[in-house]
Amino acid sequence: MNIRGIVQDSDTVAGRLFDRCVMILIAASLVSMSLSTVPTLPPLWRTILTVAEAVIVVLFTVEYVLRIWTAEDRWRYVRSPYGLVDLLALLPFYLTLMWAGMIDLRAIRALRLLRVFRVFKVAQYNTAMARLGNAVKYARDEALVFLFATLVLLYIAAMGIHHFEYEAQPEKFESAFSSLWWAVVTLTTVGYGDAYPITVGGRIFTFLVLICGMGIVAVPAGLIASGLSRALEDERATRGITRETAGS
């Protein structure tokens, strides 16, 4: 078994073992990152977590280099979503080492947020996550049209509620921009209650916005469900072709 088969192929015993080891590292990294936020953590444990973080980053770096080295098209992997996630998961550690004595450490701390990208590394080791990614690709065009329609509705909602409520509540609906927050929480049917209409026209308009909001919540679920169905059919078809090829 060559290195490419271990790193790139998840259908072999060695490949599955490699993927599981990486997933364990991801879980350990996330646990370490969460524990490091505890303010009452003893100094010894902070030291242990710092060392563990360094070891995990080194192992992730080795994995990243191996994936580039074994990829059929190396530059394509580097530019791919998985490649970018792998890189972003490594950057905070190395940038902190490089800039620790050059810029304000408070600015460097913000780079730690990039470590959250390690969560997304799980996707490349999970068949179900890959299937969900394919479903999103299949529904991409419809999702873009839906997103544009949603932005238009947000604008109409913000302008409409400003028109109806500005005179009655100038402090909450001062402009279309200040009304945008109300439009977002209303269209998504969240309704925090921090801003609500008190005029008759505003309440009628809100009713219409809420009706549209129900569709905004339901349509994406339908798009993803349709995409998942198509992705599952393609996966079954691919397996059928692979079995026929193996049998012949």
Protein backbone atom coordinates (compact mmCIF):
# COMPACT_ATOMS: atom_id res chain seq x y z
CA MET A 1 0.00 0.00 0.00
CA ASN A 2 1.57 3.31 -1.11
CA ILE A 3 1.21 6.63 0.69
CA ARG A 4 -1.26 7.97 -1.87
CA GLY A 5 -3.58 5.03 -1.23
CA ILE A 6 -3.50 5.68 2.50
CA VAL A 7 -4.00 9.45 2.35
CA GLN A 8 -6.40 9.77 -0.58
CA ASP A 9 -8.34 6.48 -0.59
CA SER A 10 -10.96 5.97 2.14
CA ASP A 11 -12.12 2.60 0.81
CA THR A 12 -9.10 0.69 2.14
CA VAL A 13 -8.40 -0.44 5.69
CA ALA A 14 -5.31 1.76 5.92
CA GLY A 15 -7.19 4.72 4.42
CA ARG A 16 -10.06 4.39 6.89
CA LEU A 17 -7.60 4.11 9.78
CA PHE A 18 -5.83 7.26 8.59
CA ASP A 19 -9.13 9.15 8.37
CA ARG A 20 -10.15 8.03 11.86
CA CYS A 21 -6.82 9.15 13.30
CA VAL A 22 -7.27 12.58 11.74
CA MET A 23 -10.82 12.82 13.10
CA ILE A 24 -9.51 11.97 16.59
CA LEU A 25 -6.96 14.76 16.21
CA ILE A 26 -9.71 17.17 15.17
CA ALA A 27 -11.81 16.21 18.19
CA ALA A 28 -8.78 16.58 20.49
CA SER A 29 -8.04 19.98 18.99
CA LEU A 30 -11.60 21.20 19.54
CA VAL A 31 -11.63 19.93 23.13
CA SER A 32 -8.27 21.62 23.76
CA MET A 33 -9.52 24.88 22.24
CA SER A 34 -12.65 24.78 24.42
CA LEU A 35 -10.74 24.02 27.62
CA SER A 36 -8.32 26.88 26.96
CA THR A 37 -11.22 29.35 27.36
CA VAL A 38 -11.82 28.31 31.00
CA PRO A 39 -10.57 31.24 33.14
CA THR A 40 -9.95 29.13 36.28
CA LEU A 41 -7.79 26.54 34.51
CA PRO A 42 -4.60 25.76 36.52
CA PRO A 43 -1.28 26.86 34.97
CA LEU A 44 -0.12 23.26 34.61
CA TRP A 45 -3.14 22.40 32.50
CA ARG A 46 -2.61 25.49 30.36
CA THR A 47 0.94 24.35 29.70
CA ILE A 48 -0.29 20.87 28.79
CA LEU A 49 -2.88 22.32 26.42
CA THR A 50 -0.27 24.56 24.79
CA VAL A 51 2.04 21.59 24.18
CA ALA A 52 -0.88 19.50 22.91
CA GLU A 53 -1.86 22.30 20.53
CA ALA A 54 1.68 22.43 19.13
CA VAL A 55 1.81 18.65 18.63
CA ILE A 56 -1.60 18.61 16.94
CA VAL A 57 -0.63 21.46 14.61
CA VAL A 58 2.56 19.65 13.62
CA LEU A 59 0.56 16.50 12.83
CA PHE A 60 -1.98 18.54 10.83
CA THR A 61 0.92 20.11 8.96
CA VAL A 62 2.28 16.68 8.05
CA GLU A 63 -1.18 15.65 6.85
CA TYR A 64 -1.52 18.84 4.78
CA VAL A 65 1.87 18.29 3.14
CA LEU A 66 1.03 14.65 2.42
CA ARG A 67 -2.28 15.62 0.81
CA ILE A 68 -0.53 18.12 -1.45
CA TRP A 69 2.21 15.64 -2.30
CA THR A 70 -0.17 12.77 -3.11
CA ALA A 71 -2.80 14.84 -4.96
CA GLU A 72 -3.13 14.25 -8.69
CA ASP A 73 -3.43 17.99 -9.26
CA ARG A 74 -1.60 19.68 -6.39
CA TRP A 75 -2.52 23.26 -7.21
CA ARG A 76 -6.15 22.30 -7.62
CA TYR A 77 -6.15 20.75 -4.14
CA VAL A 78 -4.54 23.86 -2.62
CA ARG A 79 -7.30 26.03 -4.15
CA SER A 80 -10.11 23.61 -3.29
CA PRO A 81 -12.44 24.24 -0.29
CA TYR A 82 -10.86 21.33 1.61
CA GLY A 83 -7.36 22.63 0.91
CA LEU A 84 -8.28 26.12 2.05
CA VAL A 85 -9.88 24.79 5.24
CA ASP A 86 -6.76 22.74 5.99
CA LEU A 87 -4.59 25.82 5.48
CA LEU A 88 -6.79 28.09 7.61
CA ALA A 89 -6.70 25.52 10.41
CA LEU A 90 -2.88 25.80 10.49
CA LEU A 91 -2.38 29.53 9.97
CA PRO A 92 -3.10 30.83 13.51
CA PHE A 93 -0.32 28.79 15.10
CA TYR A 94 2.37 29.73 12.59
CA LEU A 95 1.34 33.37 12.27
CA THR A 96 1.47 33.71 16.04
CA LEU A 97 5.01 32.33 16.04
CA MET A 98 6.09 34.68 13.25
CA TRP A 99 4.50 37.89 14.53
CA ALA A 100 4.68 37.47 18.31
CA GLY A 101 7.47 40.03 18.64
CA MET A 102 6.38 42.31 15.80
CA ILE A 103 2.76 43.31 16.42
CA ASP A 104 0.36 43.71 19.30
CA LEU A 105 -0.45 40.30 20.79
CA ARG A 106 -4.06 41.39 21.21
CA ALA A 107 -4.37 41.47 17.42
CA ILE A 108 -2.79 38.04 17.13
CA ARG A 109 -5.38 36.58 19.49
CA ALA A 110 -8.03 37.23 16.85
CA LEU A 111 -6.26 34.70 14.62
CA ARG A 112 -7.26 31.99 17.07
CA LEU A 113 -10.77 32.21 15.65
CA LEU A 114 -9.44 30.56 12.50
CA ARG A 115 -8.92 27.38 14.52
CA VAL A 116 -12.68 26.89 14.31
CA PHE A 117 -12.08 25.86 10.69
CA ARG A 118 -10.86 22.53 12.03
CA VAL A 119 -14.53 21.69 12.56
CA PHE A 120 -15.00 21.78 8.79
CA LYS A 121 -12.13 19.33 8.26
CA VAL A 122 -14.51 16.60 9.43
CA ALA A 123 -16.45 16.98 6.17
CA GLN A 124 -13.72 15.44 4.03
CA TYR A 125 -13.70 12.27 6.14
CA ASN A 126 -17.45 11.71 6.29
CA THR A 127 -19.50 10.27 3.42
CA ALA A 128 -22.72 11.85 4.68
CA MET A 129 -21.10 15.29 4.82
CA ALA A 130 -19.77 14.81 1.30
CA ARG A 131 -23.26 13.87 0.14
CA LEU A 132 -24.65 17.03 1.75
CA GLY A 133 -21.99 19.05 -0.08
CA ASN A 134 -23.08 17.51 -3.38
CA ALA A 135 -26.70 18.32 -2.56
CA VAL A 136 -25.77 21.98 -2.05
CA LYS A 137 -23.99 21.99 -5.41
CA TYR A 138 -27.04 20.56 -7.17
CA ALA A 139 -29.30 23.22 -5.63
CA ARG A 140 -26.80 26.04 -6.12
CA ASP A 141 -28.57 27.85 -8.97
CA GLU A 142 -31.97 27.69 -7.30
CA ALA A 143 -30.40 28.77 -3.99
CA LEU A 144 -28.82 31.82 -5.63
CA VAL A 145 -32.16 32.86 -7.14
CA PHE A 146 -33.82 32.32 -3.76
CA LEU A 147 -31.11 34.35 -2.02
CA PHE A 148 -31.62 37.25 -4.41
CA ALA A 149 -35.39 37.10 -3.85
CA THR A 150 -34.82 37.05 -0.08
CA LEU A 151 -32.61 40.16 -0.26
CA VAL A 152 -35.32 41.94 -2.27
CA LEU A 153 -37.92 40.96 0.34
CA LEU A 154 -35.66 42.21 3.13
CA TYR A 155 -35.35 45.57 1.41
CA ILE A 156 -39.11 45.82 0.83
CA ALA A 157 -39.82 44.83 4.45
CA ALA A 158 -37.37 47.40 5.84
CA MET A 159 -38.72 50.19 3.64
CA GLY A 160 -42.34 49.22 4.31
CA ILE A 161 -42.12 49.09 8.09
CA HIS A 162 -40.21 52.39 8.09
CA HIS A 163 -43.04 53.97 6.10
CA PHE A 164 -45.75 52.72 8.47
CA GLU A 165 -43.97 53.09 11.83
CA TYR A 166 -41.59 56.02 11.50
CA GLU A 167 -43.99 58.66 12.81
CA ALA A 168 -45.20 56.48 15.69
CA GLN A 169 -41.77 55.05 16.68
CA PRO A 170 -39.01 57.27 15.26
CA GLU A 171 -36.44 55.92 17.72
CA LYS A 172 -36.86 52.29 16.55
CA PHE A 173 -37.60 52.82 12.86
CA GLU A 174 -35.49 55.88 12.21
CA SER A 175 -34.44 54.81 8.70
CA ALA A 176 -34.46 51.87 6.34
CA PHE A 177 -31.14 50.79 7.83
CA SER A 178 -32.39 50.81 11.40
CA SER A 179 -35.53 48.96 10.22
CA LEU A 180 -33.45 46.23 8.61
CA TRP A 181 -32.98 44.40 11.92
CA TRP A 182 -36.76 44.18 12.33
CA ALA A 183 -37.04 42.91 8.74
CA VAL A 184 -34.50 40.15 9.37
CA VAL A 185 -36.02 38.82 12.60
CA THR A 186 -39.53 39.04 11.18
CA LEU A 187 -38.84 37.37 7.83
CA THR A 188 -37.01 34.55 9.61
CA THR A 189 -40.05 34.26 11.97
CA VAL A 190 -37.76 34.69 15.02
CA GLY A 191 -39.44 37.82 16.35
CA TYR A 192 -37.29 38.91 19.32
CA GLY A 193 -39.88 41.50 20.32
CA ASP A 194 -37.38 44.35 20.71
CA ALA A 195 -39.12 46.19 17.85
CA TYR A 196 -42.72 45.66 16.78
CA PRO A 197 -45.44 47.66 14.99
CA ILE A 198 -48.08 49.58 16.91
CA THR A 199 -49.99 51.15 14.01
CA VAL A 200 -52.77 49.42 12.09
CA GLY A 201 -50.94 49.73 8.79
CA GLY A 202 -47.72 48.42 10.36
CA ARG A 203 -49.49 45.38 11.80
CA ILE A 204 -51.16 44.53 8.51
CA PHE A 205 -47.84 44.91 6.72
CA THR A 206 -46.17 42.72 9.36
CA PHE A 207 -48.78 40.01 8.76
CA LEU A 208 -47.87 39.97 5.07
CA VAL A 209 -44.16 39.87 5.89
CA LEU A 210 -44.71 36.92 8.24
CA ILE A 211 -46.54 35.01 5.50
CA CYS A 212 -43.55 35.55 3.21
CA GLY A 213 -41.25 34.54 6.06
CA MET A 214 -42.85 31.10 6.29
CA GLY A 215 -41.86 30.51 2.68
CA ILE A 216 -38.32 31.73 3.33
CA VAL A 217 -37.94 29.13 6.08
CA ALA A 218 -39.52 26.29 4.07
CA VAL A 219 -37.98 26.76 0.60
CA PRO A 220 -34.31 26.09 1.54
CA ALA A 221 -35.32 22.85 3.26
CA GLY A 222 -37.07 21.73 0.08
CA LEU A 223 -34.07 22.64 -2.07
CA ILE A 224 -31.67 20.70 0.14
CA ALA A 225 -34.03 17.71 0.30
CA SER A 226 -34.26 17.66 -3.50
CA GLY A 227 -30.48 17.95 -3.78
CA LEU A 228 -29.93 15.14 -1.27
CA SER A 229 -32.28 12.89 -3.21
CA ARG A 230 -30.36 13.56 -6.42
CA ALA A 231 -26.99 13.09 -4.70
CA LEU A 232 -28.14 9.77 -3.25
CA GLU A 233 -29.33 8.58 -6.67
CA ASP A 234 -25.98 9.52 -8.22
CA GLU A 235 -24.14 7.72 -5.43
CA ARG A 236 -26.17 4.55 -5.93
CA ALA A 237 -25.63 4.73 -9.68
CA THR A 238 -21.88 5.12 -9.18
CA ARG A 239 -21.78 2.14 -6.83
CA GLY A 240 -23.74 0.07 -9.36
CA ILE A 241 -21.27 0.93 -12.13
CA THR A 242 -18.33 0.15 -9.86
CA ARG A 243 -19.76 -3.25 -8.95
CA GLU A 244 -20.45 -4.10 -12.58
CA THR A 245 -16.89 -3.13 -13.50
CA ALA A 246 -15.48 -5.20 -10.66
CA GLY A 247 -17.64 -8.17 -11.63
CA SER A 248 -16.55 -8.07 -15.24
